[in-house]
Amino acid sequence: MQQDAHEFLNYLLNTVADILQEEKKQEKQNGKLKNGNMNEAEENNKQELTWVHEIFQGTLTNETRCLNCETVSSKDEDFLDLSVDVEQNTSITHCLR
């Protein structure tokens, strides 16, 4: 049951964000919103942030270290949900450390 609720929340957030982004796109095409200094190609490739993203989106940084040369490479990825294993008798705050 909990997994179903989690999946439904993800579906709902993604659907609302998609609808809001499509509405913003339509408003720009109809001339209701003015864009700044972006050209049309950049504007089409850029995903508009909505209130869903402002509230629920985070950024996860994955770092990989080469065992031979010690070089570290990192990649940032946006996410709307994050799975955290919470062991028995521990708090969520403790697990996020």
PDB file of N, CA and C in Angstrom:
ATOM      1  N   MET A   1       0.822  -1.198   0.000  1.00  0.00           N
ATOM      2  CA  MET A   1       0.000   0.000   0.000  1.00  0.00           C
ATOM      3  C   MET A   1       0.872   1.270   0.000  1.00  0.00           C
ATOM      4  N   GLN A   2       1.930   1.279   0.806  1.00  0.00           N
ATOM      5  CA  GLN A   2       2.795   2.455   0.870  1.00  0.00           C
ATOM      6  C   GLN A   2       3.481   2.695  -0.467  1.00  0.00           C
ATOM      7  N   GLN A   3       3.904   1.627  -1.123  1.00  0.00           N
ATOM      8  CA  GLN A   3       4.561   1.772  -2.418  1.00  0.00           C
ATOM      9  C   GLN A   3       3.589   2.328  -3.449  1.00  0.00           C
ATOM     10  N   ASP A   4       2.328   1.902  -3.404  1.00  0.00           N
ATOM     11  CA  ASP A   4       1.324   2.425  -4.324  1.00  0.00           C
ATOM     12  C   ASP A   4       1.123   3.922  -4.117  1.00  0.00           C
ATOM     13  N   ALA A   5       1.101   4.362  -2.857  1.00  0.00           N
ATOM     14  CA  ALA A   5       0.939   5.784  -2.561  1.00  0.00           C
ATOM     15  C   ALA A   5       2.142   6.574  -3.065  1.00  0.00           C
ATOM     16  N   HIS A   6       3.338   6.024  -2.903  1.00  0.00           N
ATOM     17  CA  HIS A   6       4.555   6.680  -3.378  1.00  0.00           C
ATOM     18  C   HIS A   6       4.542   6.801  -4.897  1.00  0.00           C
ATOM     19  N   GLU A   7       4.162   5.724  -5.575  1.00  0.00           N
ATOM     20  CA  GLU A   7       4.079   5.754  -7.037  1.00  0.00           C
ATOM     21  C   GLU A   7       3.026   6.748  -7.506  1.00  0.00           C
ATOM     22  N   PHE A   8       1.902   6.814  -6.806  1.00  0.00           N
ATOM     23  CA  PHE A   8       0.852   7.760  -7.174  1.00  0.00           C
ATOM     24  C   PHE A   8       1.333   9.197  -6.991  1.00  0.00           C
ATOM     25  N   LEU A   9       2.025   9.476  -5.893  1.00  0.00           N
ATOM     26  CA  LEU A   9       2.552  10.826  -5.671  1.00  0.00           C
ATOM     27  C   LEU A   9       3.520  11.206  -6.780  1.00  0.00           C
ATOM     28  N   ASN A  10       4.424  10.301  -7.155  1.00  0.00           N
ATOM     29  CA  ASN A  10       5.353  10.580  -8.257  1.00  0.00           C
ATOM     30  C   ASN A  10       4.608  10.840  -9.555  1.00  0.00           C
ATOM     31  N   TYR A  11       3.621  10.018  -9.852  1.00  0.00           N
ATOM     32  CA  TYR A  11       2.822  10.201 -11.062  1.00  0.00           C
ATOM     33  C   TYR A  11       2.127  11.559 -11.033  1.00  0.00           C
ATOM     34  N   LEU A  12       1.522  11.896  -9.898  1.00  0.00           N
ATOM     35  CA  LEU A  12       0.801  13.158  -9.766  1.00  0.00           C
ATOM     36  C   LEU A  12       1.732  14.355  -9.943  1.00  0.00           C
ATOM     37  N   LEU A  13       2.883  14.334  -9.282  1.00  0.00           N
ATOM     38  CA  LEU A  13       3.834  15.447  -9.387  1.00  0.00           C
ATOM     39  C   LEU A  13       4.356  15.605 -10.808  1.00  0.00           C
ATOM     40  N   ASN A  14       4.706  14.493 -11.451  1.00  0.00           N
ATOM     41  CA  ASN A  14       5.199  14.558 -12.829  1.00  0.00           C
ATOM     42  C   ASN A  14       4.127  15.054 -13.782  1.00  0.00           C
ATOM     43  N   THR A  15       2.890  14.611 -13.603  1.00  0.00           N
ATOM     44  CA  THR A  15       1.796  15.035 -14.476  1.00  0.00           C
ATOM     45  C   THR A  15       1.501  16.517 -14.300  1.00  0.00           C
ATOM     46  N   VAL A  16       1.435  16.980 -13.054  1.00  0.00           N
ATOM     47  CA  VAL A  16       1.182  18.403 -12.795  1.00  0.00           C
ATOM     48  C   VAL A  16       2.307  19.251 -13.379  1.00  0.00           C
ATOM     49  N   ALA A  17       3.557  18.832 -13.188  1.00  0.00           N
ATOM     50  CA  ALA A  17       4.696  19.582 -13.733  1.00  0.00           C
ATOM     51  C   ALA A  17       4.636  19.625 -15.256  1.00  0.00           C
ATOM     52  N   ASP A  18       4.294  18.505 -15.895  1.00  0.00           N
ATOM     53  CA  ASP A  18       4.179  18.470 -17.361  1.00  0.00           C
ATOM     54  C   ASP A  18       3.087  19.408 -17.855  1.00  0.00           C
ATOM     55  N   ILE A  19       1.949  19.418 -17.173  1.00  0.00           N
ATOM     56  CA  ILE A  19       0.838  20.293 -17.565  1.00  0.00           C
ATOM     57  C   ILE A  19       1.239  21.757 -17.416  1.00  0.00           C
ATOM     58  N   LEU A  20       1.865  22.100 -16.300  1.00  0.00           N
ATOM     59  CA  LEU A  20       2.291  23.485 -16.077  1.00  0.00           C
ATOM     60  C   LEU A  20       3.325  23.926 -17.109  1.00  0.00           C
ATOM     61  N   GLN A  21       4.255  23.032 -17.448  1.00  0.00           N
ATOM     62  CA  GLN A  21       5.263  23.363 -18.459  1.00  0.00           C
ATOM     63  C   GLN A  21       4.622  23.552 -19.826  1.00  0.00           C
ATOM     64  N   GLU A  22       3.655  22.731 -20.158  1.00  0.00           N
ATOM     65  CA  GLU A  22       2.963  22.862 -21.444  1.00  0.00           C
ATOM     66  C   GLU A  22       2.174  24.170 -21.496  1.00  0.00           C
ATOM     67  N   GLU A  23       1.533  24.549 -20.382  1.00  0.00           N
ATOM     68  CA  GLU A  23       0.803  25.819 -20.339  1.00  0.00           C
ATOM     69  C   GLU A  23       1.748  27.002 -20.531  1.00  0.00           C
ATOM     70  N   LYS A  24       2.913  26.970 -19.883  1.00  0.00           N
ATOM     71  CA  LYS A  24       3.888  28.052 -20.059  1.00  0.00           C
ATOM     72  C   LYS A  24       4.367  28.120 -21.501  1.00  0.00           C
ATOM     73  N   LYS A  25       4.589  26.953 -22.104  1.00  0.00           N
ATOM     74  CA  LYS A  25       5.026  26.903 -23.498  1.00  0.00           C
ATOM     75  C   LYS A  25       3.966  27.510 -24.413  1.00  0.00           C
ATOM     76  N   GLN A  26       2.705  27.175 -24.175  1.00  0.00           N
ATOM     77  CA  GLN A  26       1.616  27.724 -24.985  1.00  0.00           C
ATOM     78  C   GLN A  26       1.504  29.236 -24.800  1.00  0.00           C
ATOM     79  N   GLU A  27       1.667  29.705 -23.564  1.00  0.00           N
ATOM     80  CA  GLU A  27       1.602  31.142 -23.307  1.00  0.00           C
ATOM     81  C   GLU A  27       2.725  31.879 -24.030  1.00  0.00           C
ATOM     82  N   LYS A  28       3.918  31.304 -24.049  1.00  0.00           N
ATOM     83  CA  LYS A  28       5.028  31.935 -24.769  1.00  0.00           C
ATOM     84  C   LYS A  28       4.756  31.976 -26.262  1.00  0.00           C
ATOM     85  N   GLN A  29       4.205  30.881 -26.789  1.00  0.00           N
ATOM     86  CA  GLN A  29       3.906  30.843 -28.219  1.00  0.00           C
ATOM     87  C   GLN A  29       2.818  31.847 -28.586  1.00  0.00           C
ATOM     88  N   ASN A  30       1.912  32.109 -27.672  1.00  0.00           N
ATOM     89  CA  ASN A  30       0.838  33.068 -27.924  1.00  0.00           C
ATOM     90  C   ASN A  30       1.264  34.499 -27.614  1.00  0.00           C
ATOM     91  N   GLY A  31       2.483  34.683 -27.144  1.00  0.00           N
ATOM     92  CA  GLY A  31       3.011  36.023 -26.910  1.00  0.00           C
ATOM     93  C   GLY A  31       2.633  36.625 -25.581  1.00  0.00           C
ATOM     94  N   LYS A  32       2.074  35.833 -24.669  1.00  0.00           N
ATOM     95  CA  LYS A  32       1.676  36.368 -23.372  1.00  0.00           C
ATOM     96  C   LYS A  32       2.867  36.547 -22.442  1.00  0.00           C
ATOM     97  N   LEU A  33       3.882  35.689 -22.578  1.00  0.00           N
ATOM     98  CA  LEU A  33       5.091  35.816 -21.773  1.00  0.00           C
ATOM     99  C   LEU A  33       6.236  36.268 -22.657  1.00  0.00           C
ATOM    100  N   LYS A  34       7.054  37.145 -22.151  1.00  0.00           N
ATOM    101  CA  LYS A  34       8.211  37.615 -22.905  1.00  0.00           C
ATOM    102  C   LYS A  34       9.436  36.865 -22.410  1.00  0.00           C
ATOM    103  N   ASN A  35      10.270  36.409 -23.359  1.00  0.00           N
ATOM    104  CA  ASN A  35      11.517  35.766 -22.953  1.00  0.00           C
ATOM    105  C   ASN A  35      12.612  36.817 -22.905  1.00  0.00           C
ATOM    106  N   GLY A  36      13.678  36.486 -22.159  1.00  0.00           N
ATOM    107  CA  GLY A  36      14.773  37.435 -21.992  1.00  0.00           C
ATOM    108  C   GLY A  36      15.679  37.476 -23.196  1.00  0.00           C
ATOM    109  N   ASN A  37      16.942  37.149 -23.025  1.00  0.00           N
ATOM    110  CA  ASN A  37      17.932  37.202 -24.091  1.00  0.00           C
ATOM    111  C   ASN A  37      18.156  35.857 -24.773  1.00  0.00           C
ATOM    112  N   MET A  38      17.290  34.890 -24.539  1.00  0.00           N
ATOM    113  CA  MET A  38      17.470  33.569 -25.140  1.00  0.00           C
ATOM    114  C   MET A  38      16.998  33.566 -26.579  1.00  0.00           C
ATOM    115  N   ASN A  39      17.709  32.809 -27.394  1.00  0.00           N
ATOM    116  CA  ASN A  39      17.195  32.625 -28.738  1.00  0.00           C
ATOM    117  C   ASN A  39      16.225  31.451 -28.718  1.00  0.00           C
ATOM    118  N   GLU A  40      15.534  31.225 -29.813  1.00  0.00           N
ATOM    119  CA  GLU A  40      14.460  30.234 -29.846  1.00  0.00           C
ATOM    120  C   GLU A  40      14.960  28.813 -29.625  1.00  0.00           C
ATOM    121  N   ALA A  41      16.121  28.455 -30.150  1.00  0.00           N
ATOM    122  CA  ALA A  41      16.658  27.099 -29.983  1.00  0.00           C
ATOM    123  C   ALA A  41      16.988  26.819 -28.520  1.00  0.00           C
ATOM    124  N   GLU A  42      17.611  27.792 -27.839  1.00  0.00           N
ATOM    125  CA  GLU A  42      17.929  27.612 -26.428  1.00  0.00           C
ATOM    126  C   GLU A  42      16.661  27.498 -25.603  1.00  0.00           C
ATOM    127  N   GLU A  43      15.666  28.292 -25.951  1.00  0.00           N
ATOM    128  CA  GLU A  43      14.415  28.301 -25.211  1.00  0.00           C
ATOM    129  C   GLU A  43      13.690  26.966 -25.326  1.00  0.00           C
ATOM    130  N   ASN A  44      13.710  26.349 -26.504  1.00  0.00           N
ATOM    131  CA  ASN A  44      13.036  25.073 -26.696  1.00  0.00           C
ATOM    132  C   ASN A  44      13.733  23.945 -25.947  1.00  0.00           C
ATOM    133  N   ASN A  45      15.057  24.019 -25.789  1.00  0.00           N
ATOM    134  CA  ASN A  45      15.799  22.977 -25.093  1.00  0.00           C
ATOM    135  C   ASN A  45      15.737  23.122 -23.578  1.00  0.00           C
ATOM    136  N   LYS A  46      15.447  24.309 -23.087  1.00  0.00           N
ATOM    137  CA  LYS A  46      15.423  24.559 -21.657  1.00  0.00           C
ATOM    138  C   LYS A  46      14.070  24.154 -21.088  1.00  0.00           C
ATOM    139  N   GLN A  47      14.109  23.384 -19.998  1.00  0.00           N
ATOM    140  CA  GLN A  47      12.878  22.976 -19.347  1.00  0.00           C
ATOM    141  C   GLN A  47      12.510  24.039 -18.321  1.00  0.00           C
ATOM    142  N   GLU A  48      11.268  24.501 -18.385  1.00  0.00           N
ATOM    143  CA  GLU A  48      10.793  25.518 -17.456  1.00  0.00           C
ATOM    144  C   GLU A  48      10.614  24.923 -16.065  1.00  0.00           C
ATOM    145  N   LEU A  49      11.041  25.651 -15.041  1.00  0.00           N
ATOM    146  CA  LEU A  49      10.813  25.215 -13.676  1.00  0.00           C
ATOM    147  C   LEU A  49       9.444  25.688 -13.218  1.00  0.00           C
ATOM    148  N   THR A  50       8.749  24.839 -12.498  1.00  0.00           N
ATOM    149  CA  THR A  50       7.418  25.157 -11.989  1.00  0.00           C
ATOM    150  C   THR A  50       7.462  25.136 -10.467  1.00  0.00           C
ATOM    151  N   TRP A  51       6.327  25.457  -9.846  1.00  0.00           N
ATOM    152  CA  TRP A  51       6.269  25.399  -8.388  1.00  0.00           C
ATOM    153  C   TRP A  51       6.486  23.970  -7.896  1.00  0.00           C
ATOM    154  N   VAL A  52       6.160  22.973  -8.699  1.00  0.00           N
ATOM    155  CA  VAL A  52       6.418  21.578  -8.320  1.00  0.00           C
ATOM    156  C   VAL A  52       7.919  21.366  -8.159  1.00  0.00           C
ATOM    157  N   HIS A  53       8.701  21.881  -9.109  1.00  0.00           N
ATOM    158  CA  HIS A  53      10.158  21.743  -9.035  1.00  0.00           C
ATOM    159  C   HIS A  53      10.721  22.533  -7.854  1.00  0.00           C
ATOM    160  N   GLU A  54      10.197  23.733  -7.628  1.00  0.00           N
ATOM    161  CA  GLU A  54      10.700  24.563  -6.536  1.00  0.00           C
ATOM    162  C   GLU A  54      10.497  23.892  -5.182  1.00  0.00           C
ATOM    163  N   ILE A  55       9.376  23.171  -5.025  1.00  0.00           N
ATOM    164  CA  ILE A  55       9.070  22.541  -3.743  1.00  0.00           C
ATOM    165  C   ILE A  55       9.733  21.172  -3.601  1.00  0.00           C
ATOM    166  N   PHE A  56       9.663  20.341  -4.637  1.00  0.00           N
ATOM    167  CA  PHE A  56      10.030  18.938  -4.502  1.00  0.00           C
ATOM    168  C   PHE A  56      11.360  18.538  -5.138  1.00  0.00           C
ATOM    169  N   GLN A  57      11.926  19.358  -6.004  1.00  0.00           N
ATOM    170  CA  GLN A  57      13.128  18.943  -6.731  1.00  0.00           C
ATOM    171  C   GLN A  57      14.388  19.182  -5.915  1.00  0.00           C
ATOM    172  N   GLY A  58      15.297  18.246  -6.015  1.00  0.00           N
ATOM    173  CA  GLY A  58      16.609  18.371  -5.403  1.00  0.00           C
ATOM    174  C   GLY A  58      17.669  18.019  -6.427  1.00  0.00           C
ATOM    175  N   THR A  59      18.916  18.156  -6.044  1.00  0.00           N
ATOM    176  CA  THR A  59      20.026  17.803  -6.926  1.00  0.00           C
ATOM    177  C   THR A  59      20.929  16.816  -6.205  1.00  0.00           C
ATOM    178  N   LEU A  60      21.181  15.704  -6.869  1.00  0.00           N
ATOM    179  CA  LEU A  60      22.065  14.671  -6.342  1.00  0.00           C
ATOM    180  C   LEU A  60      23.385  14.751  -7.096  1.00  0.00           C
ATOM    181  N   THR A  61      24.488  14.817  -6.367  1.00  0.00           N
ATOM    182  CA  THR A  61      25.808  14.862  -6.989  1.00  0.00           C
ATOM    183  C   THR A  61      26.481  13.504  -6.834  1.00  0.00           C
ATOM    184  N   ASN A  62      26.747  12.865  -7.961  1.00  0.00           N
ATOM    185  CA  ASN A  62      27.472  11.594  -7.975  1.00  0.00           C
ATOM    186  C   ASN A  62      28.944  11.880  -8.233  1.00  0.00           C
ATOM    187  N   GLU A  63      29.799  11.409  -7.342  1.00  0.00           N
ATOM    188  CA  GLU A  63      31.237  11.586  -7.509  1.00  0.00           C
ATOM    189  C   GLU A  63      31.900  10.230  -7.702  1.00  0.00           C
ATOM    190  N   THR A  64      32.801  10.164  -8.681  1.00  0.00           N
ATOM    191  CA  THR A  64      33.547   8.945  -8.969  1.00  0.00           C
ATOM    192  C   THR A  64      35.033   9.265  -8.901  1.00  0.00           C
ATOM    193  N   ARG A  65      35.779   8.449  -8.139  1.00  0.00           N
ATOM    194  CA  ARG A  65      37.217   8.669  -7.993  1.00  0.00           C
ATOM    195  C   ARG A  65      37.969   7.518  -8.664  1.00  0.00           C
ATOM    196  N   CYS A  66      38.905   7.872  -9.520  1.00  0.00           N
ATOM    197  CA  CYS A  66      39.752   6.879 -10.182  1.00  0.00           C
ATOM    198  C   CYS A  66      40.740   6.318  -9.160  1.00  0.00           C
ATOM    199  N   LEU A  67      40.819   5.004  -9.085  1.00  0.00           N
ATOM    200  CA  LEU A  67      41.726   4.378  -8.121  1.00  0.00           C
ATOM    201  C   LEU A  67      43.187   4.502  -8.525  1.00  0.00           C
ATOM    202  N   ASN A  68      43.446   4.721  -9.806  1.00  0.00           N
ATOM    203  CA  ASN A  68      44.831   4.844 -10.279  1.00  0.00           C
ATOM    204  C   ASN A  68      45.364   6.258 -10.141  1.00  0.00           C
ATOM    205  N   CYS A  69      44.642   7.222 -10.699  1.00  0.00           N
ATOM    206  CA  CYS A  69      45.167   8.594 -10.742  1.00  0.00           C
ATOM    207  C   CYS A  69      44.513   9.526  -9.719  1.00  0.00           C
ATOM    208  N   GLU A  70      43.535   9.021  -8.953  1.00  0.00           N
ATOM    209  CA  GLU A  70      42.862   9.806  -7.919  1.00  0.00           C
ATOM    210  C   GLU A  70      42.034  10.965  -8.476  1.00  0.00           C
ATOM    211  N   THR A  71      41.789  10.978  -9.781  1.00  0.00           N
ATOM    212  CA  THR A  71      40.968  12.029 -10.374  1.00  0.00           C
ATOM    213  C   THR A  71      39.509  11.820  -9.975  1.00  0.00           C
ATOM    214  N   VAL A  72      38.860  12.915  -9.607  1.00  0.00           N
ATOM    215  CA  VAL A  72      37.458  12.846  -9.205  1.00  0.00           C
ATOM    216  C   VAL A  72      36.611  13.508 -10.277  1.00  0.00           C
ATOM    217  N   SER A  73      35.607  12.792 -10.740  1.00  0.00           N
ATOM    218  CA  SER A  73      34.648  13.390 -11.667  1.00  0.00           C
ATOM    219  C   SER A  73      33.289  13.403 -10.980  1.00  0.00           C
ATOM    220  N   SER A  74      32.507  14.433 -11.254  1.00  0.00           N
ATOM    221  CA  SER A  74      31.199  14.537 -10.610  1.00  0.00           C
ATOM    222  C   SER A  74      30.134  14.873 -11.641  1.00  0.00           C
ATOM    223  N   LYS A  75      28.930  14.442 -11.343  1.00  0.00           N
ATOM    224  CA  LYS A  75      27.791  14.680 -12.221  1.00  0.00           C
ATOM    225  C   LYS A  75      26.583  15.014 -11.357  1.00  0.00           C
ATOM    226  N   ASP A  76      25.917  16.131 -11.659  1.00  0.00           N
ATOM    227  CA  ASP A  76      24.714  16.532 -10.940  1.00  0.00           C
ATOM    228  C   ASP A  76      23.486  16.018 -11.666  1.00  0.00           C
ATOM    229  N   GLU A  77      22.543  15.461 -10.903  1.00  0.00           N
ATOM    230  CA  GLU A  77      21.300  14.961 -11.458  1.00  0.00           C
ATOM    231  C   GLU A  77      20.136  15.492 -10.629  1.00  0.00           C
ATOM    232  N   ASP A  78      19.127  16.012 -11.303  1.00  0.00           N
ATOM    233  CA  ASP A  78      17.930  16.478 -10.618  1.00  0.00           C
ATOM    234  C   ASP A  78      17.021  15.298 -10.313  1.00  0.00           C
ATOM    235  N   PHE A  79      16.300  15.391  -9.192  1.00  0.00           N
ATOM    236  CA  PHE A  79      15.364  14.327  -8.837  1.00  0.00           C
ATOM    237  C   PHE A  79      14.153  14.922  -8.134  1.00  0.00           C
ATOM    238  N   LEU A  80      13.027  14.217  -8.224  1.00  0.00           N
ATOM    239  CA  LEU A  80      11.822  14.597  -7.500  1.00  0.00           C
ATOM    240  C   LEU A  80      11.564  13.671  -6.315  1.00  0.00           C
ATOM    241  N   ASP A  81      12.206  12.526  -6.283  1.00  0.00           N
ATOM    242  CA  ASP A  81      12.081  11.635  -5.136  1.00  0.00           C
ATOM    243  C   ASP A  81      13.427  10.990  -4.858  1.00  0.00           C
ATOM    244  N   LEU A  82      13.623  10.628  -3.616  1.00  0.00           N
ATOM    245  CA  LEU A  82      14.891  10.044  -3.198  1.00  0.00           C
ATOM    246  C   LEU A  82      14.588   8.882  -2.266  1.00  0.00           C
ATOM    247  N   SER A  83      15.088   7.711  -2.591  1.00  0.00           N
ATOM    248  CA  SER A  83      14.885   6.537  -1.743  1.00  0.00           C
ATOM    249  C   SER A  83      15.939   6.525  -0.646  1.00  0.00           C
ATOM    250  N   VAL A  84      15.482   6.380   0.577  1.00  0.00           N
ATOM    251  CA  VAL A  84      16.380   6.344   1.726  1.00  0.00           C
ATOM    252  C   VAL A  84      16.029   5.108   2.545  1.00  0.00           C
ATOM    253  N   ASP A  85      17.011   4.245   2.780  1.00  0.00           N
ATOM    254  CA  ASP A  85      16.791   3.081   3.635  1.00  0.00           C
ATOM    255  C   ASP A  85      16.821   3.530   5.090  1.00  0.00           C
ATOM    256  N   VAL A  86      15.710   3.315   5.781  1.00  0.00           N
ATOM    257  CA  VAL A  86      15.616   3.673   7.194  1.00  0.00           C
ATOM    258  C   VAL A  86      15.616   2.373   7.988  1.00  0.00           C
ATOM    259  N   GLU A  87      16.691   2.146   8.712  1.00  0.00           N
ATOM    260  CA  GLU A  87      16.803   0.931   9.507  1.00  0.00           C
ATOM    261  C   GLU A  87      15.991   1.074  10.785  1.00  0.00           C
ATOM    262  N   GLN A  88      15.693  -0.062  11.379  1.00  0.00           N
ATOM    263  CA  GLN A  88      14.900  -0.073  12.599  1.00  0.00           C
ATOM    264  C   GLN A  88      15.628   0.688  13.703  1.00  0.00           C
ATOM    265  N   ASN A  89      14.871   1.452  14.484  1.00  0.00           N
ATOM    266  CA  ASN A  89      15.375   2.232  15.620  1.00  0.00           C
ATOM    267  C   ASN A  89      16.345   3.337  15.206  1.00  0.00           C
ATOM    268  N   THR A  90      16.204   3.860  13.991  1.00  0.00           N
ATOM    269  CA  THR A  90      16.992   5.021  13.570  1.00  0.00           C
ATOM    270  C   THR A  90      16.036   6.076  13.042  1.00  0.00           C
ATOM    271  N   SER A  91      16.525   7.302  12.960  1.00  0.00           N
ATOM    272  CA  SER A  91      15.697   8.390  12.456  1.00  0.00           C
ATOM    273  C   SER A  91      16.056   8.687  11.005  1.00  0.00           C
ATOM    274  N   ILE A  92      15.162   9.358  10.321  1.00  0.00           N
ATOM    275  CA  ILE A  92      15.424   9.762   8.940  1.00  0.00           C
ATOM    276  C   ILE A  92      16.611  10.719   8.902  1.00  0.00           C
ATOM    277  N   THR A  93      16.687  11.621   9.882  1.00  0.00           N
ATOM    278  CA  THR A  93      17.803  12.565   9.942  1.00  0.00           C
ATOM    279  C   THR A  93      19.135  11.817  10.032  1.00  0.00           C
ATOM    280  N   HIS A  94      19.180  10.796  10.847  1.00  0.00           N
ATOM    281  CA  HIS A  94      20.406   9.998  10.985  1.00  0.00           C
ATOM    282  C   HIS A  94      20.775   9.324   9.667  1.00  0.00           C
ATOM    283  N   CYS A  95      19.780   8.821   8.934  1.00  0.00           N
ATOM    284  CA  CYS A  95      20.037   8.122   7.669  1.00  0.00           C
ATOM    285  C   CYS A  95      20.495   9.068   6.566  1.00  0.00           C
ATOM    286  N   LEU A  96      20.142  10.339   6.645  1.00  0.00           N
ATOM    287  CA  LEU A  96      20.520  11.309   5.614  1.00  0.00           C
ATOM    288  C   LEU A  96      21.927  11.851   5.818  1.00  0.00           C
ATOM    289  N   ARG A  97      22.556  11.562   6.923  1.00  0.00           N
ATOM    290  CA  ARG A  97      23.917  12.057   7.182  1.00  0.00           C
ATOM    291  C   ARG A  97      24.925  11.328   6.370  1.00  0.00           C
TER     292      ARG A  97
END
